[in-house]
Structure formats: structure tokens, C-alpha cells
Amino acid sequence: MAFGKSAEVKVEDRELAVSYGGEDAIDPVSVVARRAYAGSWEYLLEDAIFTAPPHPRWSGAALINRAGNLVGVGSLMVRDASAGR
């Protein structure tokens, strides 16, 4: 799969969250925020992409844009995804 540019992903973009196997492997999502995220295990993402609704297999799910390019990888589910819009 070709890489896209995550910097081009904008709030309100419609993308696909895709994981391996099962009926719930592909879900349409909306980008609800772009902001910093500090993990409690010592890392900082300065411009994380937050999507909704949450993908049922979020950990490791690919974020794919309309051109079919990989623009992100799902890491975790947070309660305040749309905060700071």
C-alpha cells in the first residue's frame, strides 16, 4: 500500500479505518480533531489524528484516505477524541 501524507488529513475528512478480518474490519470514520496527545507512557504526538466513531479493532488499524493511501495507524481509543476541535 502506498503511503499518503498525514499532514494533508484535515478535520471533517472522511477516511476508512481498516483492520484484519471479520465483518467489522472496515469502517468509515470522520476526522474529528488534530491536536497534541501526551501518552501516559512517556511519548508525545504533536499532531495526532483523532477519528470517530471508534473502530472496534482500533489497535493497529490502518487509516486510509480516499486515494487508497495509508495516512495513519490506529493506536488507542480515547474518550475525548473530539475535544479541542
Protein backbone atom coordinates (compact mmCIF):
# COMPACT_ATOMS: atom_id res chain seq x y z
CA MET A 1 0.00 0.00 0.00
CA ALA A 2 1.33 3.43 -0.88
CA PHE A 3 1.94 5.98 1.85
CA GLY A 4 -0.06 9.20 1.80
CA LYS A 5 0.76 12.39 3.65
CA SER A 6 -0.77 12.53 7.11
CA ALA A 7 -0.13 16.29 7.14
CA GLU A 8 -2.80 16.62 4.43
CA VAL A 9 -5.51 14.98 6.58
CA LYS A 10 -7.96 17.66 7.73
CA VAL A 11 -10.69 17.82 10.36
CA GLU A 12 -14.00 16.66 8.83
CA ASP A 13 -12.26 14.48 6.20
CA ARG A 14 -13.93 11.12 5.65
CA GLU A 15 -11.47 8.22 5.73
CA LEU A 16 -11.53 4.45 6.25
CA ALA A 17 -10.29 2.60 9.32
CA VAL A 18 -9.23 -0.91 8.25
CA SER A 19 -8.09 -3.85 10.35
CA TYR A 20 -7.66 -7.56 9.72
CA GLY A 21 -10.59 -9.93 9.20
CA GLY A 22 -14.20 -10.09 10.23
CA GLU A 23 -17.30 -8.20 9.20
CA ASP A 24 -16.25 -5.16 11.20
CA ALA A 25 -12.79 -4.89 9.60
CA ILE A 26 -13.60 -1.79 7.52
CA ASP A 27 -15.37 1.26 8.93
CA PRO A 28 -15.89 4.75 7.53
CA VAL A 29 -14.67 7.36 10.03
CA SER A 30 -14.51 11.13 10.23
CA VAL A 31 -11.51 13.09 11.38
CA VAL A 32 -12.81 14.96 14.43
CA ALA A 33 -9.63 16.64 15.71
CA ARG A 34 -5.92 17.22 15.13
CA ARG A 35 -4.01 18.12 18.25
CA ALA A 36 -1.19 17.12 20.56
CA TYR A 37 -1.56 13.94 22.58
CA ALA A 38 0.64 13.00 25.51
CA GLY A 39 0.62 9.30 26.37
CA SER A 40 0.93 8.33 29.99
CA TRP A 41 3.83 6.05 28.99
CA GLU A 42 6.26 8.79 28.00
CA TYR A 43 5.55 9.80 24.45
CA LEU A 44 4.13 12.88 22.77
CA LEU A 45 2.43 13.14 19.42
CA GLU A 46 2.49 16.79 18.44
CA ASP A 47 -0.21 16.46 15.77
CA ALA A 48 -2.26 13.31 16.41
CA ILE A 49 -5.24 12.49 14.20
CA PHE A 50 -8.44 11.69 16.11
CA THR A 51 -11.33 9.90 14.36
CA ALA A 52 -14.89 8.87 15.21
CA PRO A 53 -16.65 6.58 15.59
CA PRO A 54 -14.12 4.33 17.32
CA HIS A 55 -13.07 1.29 15.29
CA PRO A 56 -13.78 -1.98 17.14
CA ARG A 57 -10.25 -3.20 16.36
CA TRP A 58 -8.53 0.14 16.83
CA SER A 59 -5.05 -1.03 17.83
CA GLY A 60 -3.06 -1.28 14.62
CA ALA A 61 -5.94 -0.33 12.32
CA ALA A 62 -4.87 1.49 9.16
CA LEU A 63 -6.24 4.95 8.38
CA ILE A 64 -6.72 5.08 4.63
CA ASN A 65 -7.60 8.19 2.62
CA ARG A 66 -9.90 8.40 -0.41
CA ALA A 67 -6.97 7.81 -2.76
CA GLY A 68 -6.30 4.46 -1.04
CA ASN A 69 -3.11 5.59 0.68
CA LEU A 70 -2.05 4.85 4.26
CA VAL A 71 -2.13 8.12 6.23
CA GLY A 72 -2.13 6.84 9.82
CA VAL A 73 -2.17 3.86 12.16
CA GLY A 74 -4.68 3.44 14.97
CA SER A 75 -3.06 3.38 18.35
CA LEU A 76 -5.68 3.71 21.07
CA MET A 77 -9.21 4.71 21.92
CA VAL A 78 -9.74 7.91 23.91
CA ARG A 79 -12.88 9.37 25.43
CA ASP A 80 -12.21 12.95 24.36
CA ALA A 81 -11.43 12.40 20.66
CA SER A 82 -13.34 15.49 19.51
CA ALA A 83 -12.10 17.76 22.33
CA GLY A 84 -10.18 20.81 21.20
CA ARG A 85 -11.73 20.96 17.74
